[in-house]
Amino acid sequence: MNDKPLISRLAKVYKETQYTYFVSDEFGQTVLEGVDELTARMYAMKDEGYSIGRDEEHVRVLDDDTAINYENKDVLSEEDLNE
């Protein structure tokens, strides 16, 4: 059985996942990372080409729920080449 109260365990998990957001520019380059969601959103308002995403374990997820994992981050699709 766990010795810590539930609220302490939840607070620990929240703190560990709180700073997992990043901001990228229109070219996919990270311009800010390791911040909370509000900070990322405020920073992204500086430029219309900026977008935010969140880091999950070994996966980055953009605002539109598109996952960018380490296996596919440098792979261009046919659609990417036509743009």
Protein backbone atom coordinates (compact mmCIF):
# COMPACT_ATOMS: atom_id res chain seq x y z
CA MET A 1 0.00 0.00 0.00
CA ASN A 2 1.16 3.53 -0.75
CA ASP A 3 2.12 5.64 2.28
CA LYS A 4 1.45 9.00 0.63
CA PRO A 5 -2.09 10.40 0.52
CA LEU A 6 -3.86 10.40 -2.83
CA ILE A 7 -3.75 14.19 -3.13
CA SER A 8 0.05 14.16 -2.71
CA ARG A 9 0.42 11.53 -5.42
CA LEU A 10 -1.88 13.47 -7.76
CA ALA A 11 0.02 16.70 -7.08
CA LYS A 12 3.29 14.96 -7.91
CA VAL A 13 1.94 13.61 -11.21
CA TYR A 14 0.48 17.03 -12.09
CA LYS A 15 3.79 18.76 -11.37
CA GLU A 16 5.70 16.25 -13.48
CA THR A 17 3.40 16.74 -16.49
CA GLN A 18 2.73 20.46 -16.09
CA TYR A 19 5.74 21.68 -18.06
CA THR A 20 5.49 19.58 -21.18
CA TYR A 21 4.41 22.11 -23.81
CA PHE A 22 6.43 23.56 -26.67
CA VAL A 23 5.99 26.21 -29.37
CA SER A 24 7.12 25.68 -32.93
CA ASP A 25 7.29 28.02 -35.89
CA GLU A 26 5.83 27.50 -39.36
CA PHE A 27 8.94 25.54 -40.36
CA GLY A 28 8.57 23.03 -37.52
CA GLN A 29 11.49 24.42 -35.53
CA THR A 30 11.00 24.54 -31.76
CA VAL A 31 11.21 28.12 -30.50
CA LEU A 32 10.20 27.45 -26.87
CA GLU A 33 9.89 24.26 -24.85
CA GLY A 34 9.46 22.98 -21.33
CA VAL A 35 6.70 25.40 -20.37
CA ASP A 36 3.14 25.09 -19.14
CA GLU A 37 0.17 25.33 -21.51
CA LEU A 38 -0.74 28.92 -20.69
CA THR A 39 2.81 30.17 -21.24
CA ALA A 40 2.99 28.29 -24.54
CA ARG A 41 -0.33 29.76 -25.72
CA MET A 42 0.70 33.29 -24.76
CA TYR A 43 4.05 32.92 -26.54
CA ALA A 44 2.37 31.49 -29.65
CA MET A 45 0.28 34.66 -29.95
CA LYS A 46 3.45 36.59 -30.85
CA ASP A 47 3.42 35.25 -34.41
CA GLU A 48 0.60 33.82 -36.50
CA GLY A 49 2.94 31.07 -37.75
CA TYR A 50 3.56 29.71 -34.25
CA SER A 51 1.70 26.67 -32.97
CA ILE A 52 1.82 24.79 -29.69
CA GLY A 53 2.07 21.15 -28.85
CA ARG A 54 2.71 18.97 -25.86
CA ASP A 55 5.40 16.46 -25.11
CA GLU A 56 4.35 13.02 -24.07
CA GLU A 57 6.81 10.23 -23.45
CA HIS A 58 8.92 10.14 -26.65
CA VAL A 59 6.06 11.65 -28.69
CA ARG A 60 5.18 15.23 -29.53
CA VAL A 61 1.53 16.04 -30.16
CA LEU A 62 0.49 19.17 -32.01
CA ASP A 63 -2.61 21.18 -31.18
CA ASP A 64 -4.63 19.28 -33.80
CA ASP A 65 -3.74 15.91 -32.15
CA THR A 66 -1.22 15.01 -34.87
CA ALA A 67 1.47 12.89 -33.24
CA ILE A 68 5.08 13.49 -34.19
CA ASN A 69 7.18 10.64 -32.89
CA TYR A 70 10.87 10.10 -33.32
CA GLU A 71 10.29 7.49 -36.02
CA ASN A 72 8.34 9.77 -38.37
CA LYS A 73 9.52 13.29 -37.54
CA ASP A 74 11.81 13.54 -40.58
CA VAL A 75 9.69 11.59 -43.06
CA LEU A 76 7.86 13.60 -45.68
CA SER A 77 4.64 12.29 -47.11
CA GLU A 78 3.47 12.69 -50.69
CA GLU A 79 1.13 15.43 -49.43
CA ASP A 80 4.08 17.33 -47.89
CA LEU A 81 5.96 17.25 -51.18
CA ASN A 82 2.99 18.69 -53.11
CA GLU A 83 2.57 21.75 -50.90
